[in-house]
Amino acid sequence: MQEQAKYLWTKDASGATRVGLTKAGQDELGNVTFAKLPEVGDKVEKGATLISLEAEKAVSDIESPISGEVSAVNPQLNDDVDALNSSNEADAWLVEIK
């Protein structure tokens, strides 16, 4: 199994933890073309699949770095996953978990 810790970053976001795709993850996966994200209210467990990504170099299930409840999903990803290909890591956030 691939080492996935380098794929995600975490950051405190007003009482929640924001989780995003790292530049290293972007580079290894290639251009992301599809993302299956959890929905607000979903419970996630550390080590369980958080997101499924399809990209030009790989199809990957990425594990959650933490346990909790999804409190927000990046609204930019509703219509277009291109934010996950942004050179600015802050734009490539996926979810917030409380």
PDB file of N, CA and C in Angstrom:
ATOM      1  N   MET A   1       0.841  -1.191   0.000  1.00  0.00           N
ATOM      2  CA  MET A   1       0.000   0.000   0.000  1.00  0.00           C
ATOM      3  C   MET A   1       0.881   1.248   0.000  1.00  0.00           C
ATOM      4  N   GLN A   2       0.443   2.262  -0.705  1.00  0.00           N
ATOM      5  CA  GLN A   2       1.210   3.494  -0.810  1.00  0.00           C
ATOM      6  C   GLN A   2       1.176   4.255   0.511  1.00  0.00           C
ATOM      7  N   GLU A   3       2.228   5.010   0.787  1.00  0.00           N
ATOM      8  CA  GLU A   3       2.271   5.895   1.943  1.00  0.00           C
ATOM      9  C   GLU A   3       1.428   7.120   1.604  1.00  0.00           C
ATOM     10  N   GLN A   4       0.300   7.263   2.288  1.00  0.00           N
ATOM     11  CA  GLN A   4      -0.644   8.320   1.930  1.00  0.00           C
ATOM     12  C   GLN A   4      -0.539   9.572   2.789  1.00  0.00           C
ATOM     13  N   ALA A   5       0.216   9.523   3.876  1.00  0.00           N
ATOM     14  CA  ALA A   5       0.306  10.682   4.761  1.00  0.00           C
ATOM     15  C   ALA A   5       0.782  11.917   4.008  1.00  0.00           C
ATOM     16  N   LYS A   6       1.632  11.727   3.017  1.00  0.00           N
ATOM     17  CA  LYS A   6       2.140  12.876   2.273  1.00  0.00           C
ATOM     18  C   LYS A   6       1.095  13.470   1.330  1.00  0.00           C
ATOM     19  N   TYR A   7      -0.012  12.758   1.113  1.00  0.00           N
ATOM     20  CA  TYR A   7      -1.053  13.247   0.210  1.00  0.00           C
ATOM     21  C   TYR A   7      -1.917  14.342   0.828  1.00  0.00           C
ATOM     22  N   LEU A   8      -2.016  14.360   2.159  1.00  0.00           N
ATOM     23  CA  LEU A   8      -2.949  15.269   2.808  1.00  0.00           C
ATOM     24  C   LEU A   8      -2.257  16.185   3.803  1.00  0.00           C
ATOM     25  N   TRP A   9      -2.766  17.400   3.911  1.00  0.00           N
ATOM     26  CA  TRP A   9      -2.342  18.321   4.953  1.00  0.00           C
ATOM     27  C   TRP A   9      -3.547  18.579   5.854  1.00  0.00           C
ATOM     28  N   THR A  10      -3.276  18.965   7.093  1.00  0.00           N
ATOM     29  CA  THR A  10      -4.343  19.342   8.023  1.00  0.00           C
ATOM     30  C   THR A  10      -4.014  20.701   8.625  1.00  0.00           C
ATOM     31  N   LYS A  11      -5.069  21.430   8.965  1.00  0.00           N
ATOM     32  CA  LYS A  11      -4.901  22.775   9.501  1.00  0.00           C
ATOM     33  C   LYS A  11      -6.110  23.086  10.367  1.00  0.00           C
ATOM     34  N   ASP A  12      -5.896  23.765  11.499  1.00  0.00           N
ATOM     35  CA  ASP A  12      -7.003  24.170  12.351  1.00  0.00           C
ATOM     36  C   ASP A  12      -7.838  25.220  11.616  1.00  0.00           C
ATOM     37  N   ALA A  13      -9.165  25.034  11.653  1.00  0.00           N
ATOM     38  CA  ALA A  13     -10.070  25.964  10.964  1.00  0.00           C
ATOM     39  C   ALA A  13     -11.283  26.228  11.851  1.00  0.00           C
ATOM     40  N   SER A  14     -11.134  27.139  12.793  1.00  0.00           N
ATOM     41  CA  SER A  14     -12.239  27.560  13.660  1.00  0.00           C
ATOM     42  C   SER A  14     -12.933  26.394  14.350  1.00  0.00           C
ATOM     43  N   GLY A  15     -12.177  25.605  15.084  1.00  0.00           N
ATOM     44  CA  GLY A  15     -12.749  24.496  15.835  1.00  0.00           C
ATOM     45  C   GLY A  15     -12.886  23.205  15.057  1.00  0.00           C
ATOM     46  N   ALA A  16     -12.582  23.235  13.794  1.00  0.00           N
ATOM     47  CA  ALA A  16     -12.596  22.022  12.964  1.00  0.00           C
ATOM     48  C   ALA A  16     -11.183  21.834  12.410  1.00  0.00           C
ATOM     49  N   THR A  17     -10.957  20.704  11.780  1.00  0.00           N
ATOM     50  CA  THR A  17      -9.682  20.464  11.112  1.00  0.00           C
ATOM     51  C   THR A  17      -9.937  20.413   9.613  1.00  0.00           C
ATOM     52  N   ARG A  18      -9.296  21.314   8.895  1.00  0.00           N
ATOM     53  CA  ARG A  18      -9.419  21.330   7.431  1.00  0.00           C
ATOM     54  C   ARG A  18      -8.399  20.351   6.865  1.00  0.00           C
ATOM     55  N   VAL A  19      -8.837  19.538   5.916  1.00  0.00           N
ATOM     56  CA  VAL A  19      -7.983  18.527   5.302  1.00  0.00           C
ATOM     57  C   VAL A  19      -7.885  18.840   3.810  1.00  0.00           C
ATOM     58  N   GLY A  20      -6.668  18.849   3.283  1.00  0.00           N
ATOM     59  CA  GLY A  20      -6.485  19.156   1.873  1.00  0.00           C
ATOM     60  C   GLY A  20      -5.431  18.292   1.219  1.00  0.00           C
ATOM     61  N   LEU A  21      -5.350  18.409  -0.083  1.00  0.00           N
ATOM     62  CA  LEU A  21      -4.401  17.640  -0.897  1.00  0.00           C
ATOM     63  C   LEU A  21      -3.088  18.406  -0.993  1.00  0.00           C
ATOM     64  N   THR A  22      -1.988  17.737  -0.642  1.00  0.00           N
ATOM     65  CA  THR A  22      -0.673  18.390  -0.687  1.00  0.00           C
ATOM     66  C   THR A  22      -0.160  18.503  -2.117  1.00  0.00           C
ATOM     67  N   LYS A  23       0.814  19.363  -2.290  1.00  0.00           N
ATOM     68  CA  LYS A  23       1.477  19.498  -3.594  1.00  0.00           C
ATOM     69  C   LYS A  23       2.152  18.176  -3.975  1.00  0.00           C
ATOM     70  N   ALA A  24       2.756  17.494  -2.981  1.00  0.00           N
ATOM     71  CA  ALA A  24       3.389  16.195  -3.253  1.00  0.00           C
ATOM     72  C   ALA A  24       2.347  15.185  -3.729  1.00  0.00           C
ATOM     73  N   GLY A  25       1.175  15.211  -3.116  1.00  0.00           N
ATOM     74  CA  GLY A  25       0.090  14.326  -3.534  1.00  0.00           C
ATOM     75  C   GLY A  25      -0.368  14.650  -4.941  1.00  0.00           C
ATOM     76  N   GLN A  26      -0.490  15.948  -5.233  1.00  0.00           N
ATOM     77  CA  GLN A  26      -0.878  16.368  -6.584  1.00  0.00           C
ATOM     78  C   GLN A  26       0.135  15.877  -7.608  1.00  0.00           C
ATOM     79  N   ASP A  27       1.409  16.034  -7.286  1.00  0.00           N
ATOM     80  CA  ASP A  27       2.471  15.639  -8.212  1.00  0.00           C
ATOM     81  C   ASP A  27       2.463  14.132  -8.466  1.00  0.00           C
ATOM     82  N   GLU A  28       2.256  13.354  -7.399  1.00  0.00           N
ATOM     83  CA  GLU A  28       2.289  11.899  -7.543  1.00  0.00           C
ATOM     84  C   GLU A  28       1.058  11.366  -8.273  1.00  0.00           C
ATOM     85  N   LEU A  29      -0.106  11.971  -8.001  1.00  0.00           N
ATOM     86  CA  LEU A  29      -1.349  11.504  -8.619  1.00  0.00           C
ATOM     87  C   LEU A  29      -1.517  12.013 -10.048  1.00  0.00           C
ATOM     88  N   GLY A  30      -1.001  13.206 -10.306  1.00  0.00           N
ATOM     89  CA  GLY A  30      -1.241  13.843 -11.591  1.00  0.00           C
ATOM     90  C   GLY A  30      -2.541  14.628 -11.552  1.00  0.00           C
ATOM     91  N   ASN A  31      -2.978  15.091 -12.683  1.00  0.00           N
ATOM     92  CA  ASN A  31      -4.178  15.922 -12.786  1.00  0.00           C
ATOM     93  C   ASN A  31      -5.411  15.146 -12.297  1.00  0.00           C
ATOM     94  N   VAL A  32      -6.070  15.666 -11.248  1.00  0.00           N
ATOM     95  CA  VAL A  32      -7.259  15.013 -10.703  1.00  0.00           C
ATOM     96  C   VAL A  32      -8.446  15.294 -11.620  1.00  0.00           C
ATOM     97  N   THR A  33      -9.156  14.226 -11.998  1.00  0.00           N
ATOM     98  CA  THR A  33     -10.297  14.371 -12.904  1.00  0.00           C
ATOM     99  C   THR A  33     -11.631  14.061 -12.234  1.00  0.00           C
ATOM    100  N   PHE A  34     -11.596  13.353 -11.092  1.00  0.00           N
ATOM    101  CA  PHE A  34     -12.828  13.002 -10.384  1.00  0.00           C
ATOM    102  C   PHE A  34     -12.509  12.799  -8.916  1.00  0.00           C
ATOM    103  N   ALA A  35     -13.408  13.267  -8.057  1.00  0.00           N
ATOM    104  CA  ALA A  35     -13.252  13.051  -6.617  1.00  0.00           C
ATOM    105  C   ALA A  35     -14.596  12.673  -6.015  1.00  0.00           C
ATOM    106  N   LYS A  36     -14.619  11.581  -5.277  1.00  0.00           N
ATOM    107  CA  LYS A  36     -15.815  11.183  -4.527  1.00  0.00           C
ATOM    108  C   LYS A  36     -15.549  11.555  -3.080  1.00  0.00           C
ATOM    109  N   LEU A  37     -16.274  12.581  -2.615  1.00  0.00           N
ATOM    110  CA  LEU A  37     -16.062  13.127  -1.284  1.00  0.00           C
ATOM    111  C   LEU A  37     -17.187  12.714  -0.350  1.00  0.00           C
ATOM    112  N   PRO A  38     -16.912  12.720   0.960  1.00  0.00           N
ATOM    113  CA  PRO A  38     -17.991  12.485   1.909  1.00  0.00           C
ATOM    114  C   PRO A  38     -18.935  13.697   1.919  1.00  0.00           C
ATOM    115  N   GLU A  39     -20.071  13.541   2.558  1.00  0.00           N
ATOM    116  CA  GLU A  39     -21.030  14.638   2.669  1.00  0.00           C
ATOM    117  C   GLU A  39     -21.017  15.188   4.087  1.00  0.00           C
ATOM    118  N   VAL A  40     -21.472  16.426   4.239  1.00  0.00           N
ATOM    119  CA  VAL A  40     -21.595  17.033   5.562  1.00  0.00           C
ATOM    120  C   VAL A  40     -22.467  16.121   6.421  1.00  0.00           C
ATOM    121  N   GLY A  41     -21.991  15.850   7.627  1.00  0.00           N
ATOM    122  CA  GLY A  41     -22.708  14.973   8.538  1.00  0.00           C
ATOM    123  C   GLY A  41     -22.188  13.548   8.548  1.00  0.00           C
ATOM    124  N   ASP A  42     -21.412  13.165   7.525  1.00  0.00           N
ATOM    125  CA  ASP A  42     -20.834  11.816   7.487  1.00  0.00           C
ATOM    126  C   ASP A  42     -19.797  11.669   8.599  1.00  0.00           C
ATOM    127  N   LYS A  43     -19.769  10.517   9.211  1.00  0.00           N
ATOM    128  CA  LYS A  43     -18.742  10.189  10.204  1.00  0.00           C
ATOM    129  C   LYS A  43     -17.570   9.541   9.467  1.00  0.00           C
ATOM    130  N   VAL A  44     -16.367   9.957   9.829  1.00  0.00           N
ATOM    131  CA  VAL A  44     -15.171   9.374   9.232  1.00  0.00           C
ATOM    132  C   VAL A  44     -14.272   8.848  10.340  1.00  0.00           C
ATOM    133  N   GLU A  45     -13.557   7.783  10.030  1.00  0.00           N
ATOM    134  CA  GLU A  45     -12.634   7.168  10.985  1.00  0.00           C
ATOM    135  C   GLU A  45     -11.212   7.290  10.455  1.00  0.00           C
ATOM    136  N   LYS A  46     -10.294   7.602  11.364  1.00  0.00           N
ATOM    137  CA  LYS A  46      -8.883   7.649  10.994  1.00  0.00           C
ATOM    138  C   LYS A  46      -8.489   6.308  10.393  1.00  0.00           C
ATOM    139  N   GLY A  47      -7.858   6.342   9.233  1.00  0.00           N
ATOM    140  CA  GLY A  47      -7.402   5.128   8.560  1.00  0.00           C
ATOM    141  C   GLY A  47      -8.414   4.541   7.589  1.00  0.00           C
ATOM    142  N   ALA A  48      -9.671   4.999   7.647  1.00  0.00           N
ATOM    143  CA  ALA A  48     -10.695   4.547   6.699  1.00  0.00           C
ATOM    144  C   ALA A  48     -10.686   5.492   5.495  1.00  0.00           C
ATOM    145  N   THR A  49     -11.265   5.049   4.398  1.00  0.00           N
ATOM    146  CA  THR A  49     -11.279   5.880   3.191  1.00  0.00           C
ATOM    147  C   THR A  49     -12.041   7.185   3.429  1.00  0.00           C
ATOM    148  N   LEU A  50     -11.379   8.294   3.158  1.00  0.00           N
ATOM    149  CA  LEU A  50     -11.993   9.619   3.251  1.00  0.00           C
ATOM    150  C   LEU A  50     -12.477  10.057   1.880  1.00  0.00           C
ATOM    151  N   ILE A  51     -11.636   9.900   0.874  1.00  0.00           N
ATOM    152  CA  ILE A  51     -11.974  10.305  -0.487  1.00  0.00           C
ATOM    153  C   ILE A  51     -11.441   9.277  -1.475  1.00  0.00           C
ATOM    154  N   SER A  52     -12.094   9.211  -2.621  1.00  0.00           N
ATOM    155  CA  SER A  52     -11.614   8.416  -3.750  1.00  0.00           C
ATOM    156  C   SER A  52     -11.314   9.396  -4.866  1.00  0.00           C
ATOM    157  N   LEU A  53     -10.113   9.318  -5.390  1.00  0.00           N
ATOM    158  CA  LEU A  53      -9.687  10.226  -6.455  1.00  0.00           C
ATOM    159  C   LEU A  53      -9.336   9.450  -7.710  1.00  0.00           C
ATOM    160  N   GLU A  54      -9.745   9.995  -8.842  1.00  0.00           N
ATOM    161  CA  GLU A  54      -9.275   9.508 -10.131  1.00  0.00           C
ATOM    162  C   GLU A  54      -8.400  10.603 -10.708  1.00  0.00           C
ATOM    163  N   ALA A  55      -7.207  10.214 -11.110  1.00  0.00           N
ATOM    164  CA  ALA A  55      -6.257  11.165 -11.665  1.00  0.00           C
ATOM    165  C   ALA A  55      -5.531  10.518 -12.824  1.00  0.00           C
ATOM    166  N   GLU A  56      -4.737  11.329 -13.543  1.00  0.00           N
ATOM    167  CA  GLU A  56      -4.096  10.804 -14.742  1.00  0.00           C
ATOM    168  C   GLU A  56      -3.083   9.707 -14.451  1.00  0.00           C
ATOM    169  N   LYS A  57      -2.486   9.678 -13.257  1.00  0.00           N
ATOM    170  CA  LYS A  57      -1.470   8.679 -12.951  1.00  0.00           C
ATOM    171  C   LYS A  57      -1.978   7.549 -12.061  1.00  0.00           C
ATOM    172  N   ALA A  58      -3.115   7.749 -11.376  1.00  0.00           N
ATOM    173  CA  ALA A  58      -3.564   6.730 -10.422  1.00  0.00           C
ATOM    174  C   ALA A  58      -5.025   6.938 -10.044  1.00  0.00           C
ATOM    175  N   VAL A  59      -5.642   5.847  -9.627  1.00  0.00           N
ATOM    176  CA  VAL A  59      -6.941   5.894  -8.974  1.00  0.00           C
ATOM    177  C   VAL A  59      -6.650   5.479  -7.537  1.00  0.00           C
ATOM    178  N   SER A  60      -7.022   6.328  -6.576  1.00  0.00           N
ATOM    179  CA  SER A  60      -6.624   6.079  -5.199  1.00  0.00           C
ATOM    180  C   SER A  60      -7.748   6.343  -4.218  1.00  0.00           C
ATOM    181  N   ASP A  61      -7.828   5.485  -3.205  1.00  0.00           N
ATOM    182  CA  ASP A  61      -8.644   5.740  -2.032  1.00  0.00           C
ATOM    183  C   ASP A  61      -7.694   6.327  -0.996  1.00  0.00           C
ATOM    184  N   ILE A  62      -7.983   7.532  -0.544  1.00  0.00           N
ATOM    185  CA  ILE A  62      -7.119   8.224   0.398  1.00  0.00           C
ATOM    186  C   ILE A  62      -7.731   8.122   1.792  1.00  0.00           C
ATOM    187  N   GLU A  63      -6.923   7.702   2.751  1.00  0.00           N
ATOM    188  CA  GLU A  63      -7.394   7.488   4.109  1.00  0.00           C
ATOM    189  C   GLU A  63      -7.467   8.789   4.897  1.00  0.00           C
ATOM    190  N   SER A  64      -8.441   8.857   5.798  1.00  0.00           N
ATOM    191  CA  SER A  64      -8.600  10.023   6.662  1.00  0.00           C
ATOM    192  C   SER A  64      -7.476  10.079   7.694  1.00  0.00           C
ATOM    193  N   PRO A  65      -6.901  11.267   7.891  1.00  0.00           N
ATOM    194  CA  PRO A  65      -5.849  11.397   8.897  1.00  0.00           C
ATOM    195  C   PRO A  65      -6.403  11.503  10.315  1.00  0.00           C
ATOM    196  N   ILE A  66      -7.719  11.738  10.451  1.00  0.00           N
ATOM    197  CA  ILE A  66      -8.350  11.907  11.760  1.00  0.00           C
ATOM    198  C   ILE A  66      -9.754  11.311  11.742  1.00  0.00           C
ATOM    199  N   SER A  67     -10.310  11.124  12.941  1.00  0.00           N
ATOM    200  CA  SER A  67     -11.696  10.675  13.081  1.00  0.00           C
ATOM    201  C   SER A  67     -12.569  11.866  13.447  1.00  0.00           C
ATOM    202  N   GLY A  68     -13.842  11.808  13.075  1.00  0.00           N
ATOM    203  CA  GLY A  68     -14.785  12.864  13.433  1.00  0.00           C
ATOM    204  C   GLY A  68     -15.951  12.902  12.481  1.00  0.00           C
ATOM    205  N   GLU A  69     -16.622  14.047  12.466  1.00  0.00           N
ATOM    206  CA  GLU A  69     -17.779  14.247  11.601  1.00  0.00           C
ATOM    207  C   GLU A  69     -17.470  15.348  10.599  1.00  0.00           C
ATOM    208  N   VAL A  70     -17.820  15.115   9.343  1.00  0.00           N
ATOM    209  CA  VAL A  70     -17.585  16.110   8.294  1.00  0.00           C
ATOM    210  C   VAL A  70     -18.511  17.302   8.546  1.00  0.00           C
ATOM    211  N   SER A  71     -17.908  18.477   8.745  1.00  0.00           N
ATOM    212  CA  SER A  71     -18.694  19.680   9.010  1.00  0.00           C
ATOM    213  C   SER A  71     -18.781  20.599   7.799  1.00  0.00           C
ATOM    214  N   ALA A  72     -17.897  20.396   6.820  1.00  0.00           N
ATOM    215  CA  ALA A  72     -17.925  21.198   5.591  1.00  0.00           C
ATOM    216  C   ALA A  72     -17.197  20.451   4.491  1.00  0.00           C
ATOM    217  N   VAL A  73     -17.648  20.689   3.258  1.00  0.00           N
ATOM    218  CA  VAL A  73     -16.991  20.172   2.058  1.00  0.00           C
ATOM    219  C   VAL A  73     -16.685  21.378   1.188  1.00  0.00           C
ATOM    220  N   ASN A  74     -15.515  21.412   0.592  1.00  0.00           N
ATOM    221  CA  ASN A  74     -15.126  22.544  -0.256  1.00  0.00           C
ATOM    222  C   ASN A  74     -16.176  22.751  -1.349  1.00  0.00           C
ATOM    223  N   PRO A  75     -16.906  23.892  -1.310  1.00  0.00           N
ATOM    224  CA  PRO A  75     -17.971  24.120  -2.288  1.00  0.00           C
ATOM    225  C   PRO A  75     -17.469  24.228  -3.722  1.00  0.00           C
ATOM    226  N   GLN A  76     -16.197  24.567  -3.911  1.00  0.00           N
ATOM    227  CA  GLN A  76     -15.631  24.653  -5.262  1.00  0.00           C
ATOM    228  C   GLN A  76     -15.617  23.296  -5.949  1.00  0.00           C
ATOM    229  N   LEU A  77     -15.667  22.215  -5.155  1.00  0.00           N
ATOM    230  CA  LEU A  77     -15.570  20.875  -5.724  1.00  0.00           C
ATOM    231  C   LEU A  77     -16.917  20.316  -6.159  1.00  0.00           C
ATOM    232  N   ASN A  78     -18.010  21.042  -5.873  1.00  0.00           N
ATOM    233  CA  ASN A  78     -19.338  20.565  -6.261  1.00  0.00           C
ATOM    234  C   ASN A  78     -19.474  20.368  -7.758  1.00  0.00           C
ATOM    235  N   ASP A  79     -18.973  21.320  -8.527  1.00  0.00           N
ATOM    236  CA  ASP A  79     -19.142  21.286  -9.975  1.00  0.00           C
ATOM    237  C   ASP A  79     -17.867  20.949 -10.732  1.00  0.00           C
ATOM    238  N   ASP A  80     -16.714  21.173 -10.070  1.00  0.00           N
ATOM    239  CA  ASP A  80     -15.457  21.048 -10.788  1.00  0.00           C
ATOM    240  C   ASP A  80     -14.336  20.722  -9.813  1.00  0.00           C
ATOM    241  N   VAL A  81     -13.642  19.620 -10.025  1.00  0.00           N
ATOM    242  CA  VAL A  81     -12.559  19.222  -9.120  1.00  0.00           C
ATOM    243  C   VAL A  81     -11.235  19.915  -9.440  1.00  0.00           C
ATOM    244  N   ASP A  82     -11.255  20.879 -10.350  1.00  0.00           N
ATOM    245  CA  ASP A  82     -10.011  21.522 -10.762  1.00  0.00           C
ATOM    246  C   ASP A  82      -9.289  22.217  -9.609  1.00  0.00           C
ATOM    247  N   ALA A  83     -10.008  22.608  -8.543  1.00  0.00           N
ATOM    248  CA  ALA A  83      -9.353  23.229  -7.383  1.00  0.00           C
ATOM    249  C   ALA A  83      -8.304  22.280  -6.790  1.00  0.00           C
ATOM    250  N   LEU A  84      -8.500  20.983  -6.976  1.00  0.00           N
ATOM    251  CA  LEU A  84      -7.530  20.014  -6.456  1.00  0.00           C
ATOM    252  C   LEU A  84      -6.240  19.992  -7.258  1.00  0.00           C
ATOM    253  N   ASN A  85      -6.229  20.674  -8.395  1.00  0.00           N
ATOM    254  CA  ASN A  85      -5.032  20.766  -9.228  1.00  0.00           C
ATOM    255  C   ASN A  85      -4.343  22.125  -9.077  1.00  0.00           C
ATOM    256  N   SER A  86      -4.840  22.946  -8.153  1.00  0.00           N
ATOM    257  CA  SER A  86      -4.308  24.290  -7.960  1.00  0.00           C
ATOM    258  C   SER A  86      -2.877  24.247  -7.436  1.00  0.00           C
ATOM    259  N   SER A  87      -2.054  25.173  -7.891  1.00  0.00           N
ATOM    260  CA  SER A  87      -0.684  25.255  -7.379  1.00  0.00           C
ATOM    261  C   SER A  87      -0.667  25.815  -5.963  1.00  0.00           C
ATOM    262  N   ASN A  88      -1.767  26.426  -5.537  1.00  0.00           N
ATOM    263  CA  ASN A  88      -1.901  26.934  -4.173  1.00  0.00           C
ATOM    264  C   ASN A  88      -2.557  25.845  -3.320  1.00  0.00           C
ATOM    265  N   GLU A  89      -1.784  25.211  -2.425  1.00  0.00           N
ATOM    266  CA  GLU A  89      -2.313  24.117  -1.610  1.00  0.00           C
ATOM    267  C   GLU A  89      -3.559  24.515  -0.833  1.00  0.00           C
ATOM    268  N   ALA A  90      -3.646  25.772  -0.402  1.00  0.00           N
ATOM    269  CA  ALA A  90      -4.801  26.220   0.386  1.00  0.00           C
ATOM    270  C   ALA A  90      -6.104  26.090  -0.406  1.00  0.00           C
ATOM    271  N   ASP A  91      -6.041  26.203  -1.738  1.00  0.00           N
ATOM    272  CA  ASP A  91      -7.236  26.045  -2.578  1.00  0.00           C
ATOM    273  C   ASP A  91      -7.651  24.583  -2.712  1.00  0.00           C
ATOM    274  N   ALA A  92      -6.719  23.673  -2.462  1.00  0.00           N
ATOM    275  CA  ALA A  92      -6.947  22.242  -2.676  1.00  0.00           C
ATOM    276  C   ALA A  92      -7.477  21.552  -1.408  1.00  0.00           C
ATOM    277  N   TRP A  93      -8.290  22.298  -0.630  1.00  0.00           N
ATOM    278  CA  TRP A  93      -8.836  21.652   0.563  1.00  0.00           C
ATOM    279  C   TRP A  93     -10.061  20.822   0.175  1.00  0.00           C
ATOM    280  N   LEU A  94     -10.278  19.782   0.959  1.00  0.00           N
ATOM    281  CA  LEU A  94     -11.327  18.797   0.670  1.00  0.00           C
ATOM    282  C   LEU A  94     -12.502  18.954   1.609  1.00  0.00           C
ATOM    283  N   VAL A  95     -12.245  18.758   2.887  1.00  0.00           N
ATOM    284  CA  VAL A  95     -13.306  18.755   3.897  1.00  0.00           C
ATOM    285  C   VAL A  95     -12.794  19.384   5.187  1.00  0.00           C
ATOM    286  N   GLU A  96     -13.756  19.719   6.050  1.00  0.00           N
ATOM    287  CA  GLU A  96     -13.451  20.075   7.430  1.00  0.00           C
ATOM    288  C   GLU A  96     -14.114  19.030   8.312  1.00  0.00           C
ATOM    289  N   ILE A  97     -13.392  18.590   9.337  1.00  0.00           N
ATOM    290  CA  ILE A  97     -13.862  17.534  10.236  1.00  0.00           C
ATOM    291  C   ILE A  97     -13.811  18.035  11.662  1.00  0.00           C
ATOM    292  N   LYS A  98     -14.911  17.809  12.396  1.00  0.00           N
ATOM    293  CA  LYS A  98     -14.957  18.180  13.825  1.00  0.00           C
ATOM    294  C   LYS A  98     -14.892  16.925  14.658  1.00  0.00           C
TER     295      LYS A  98
END
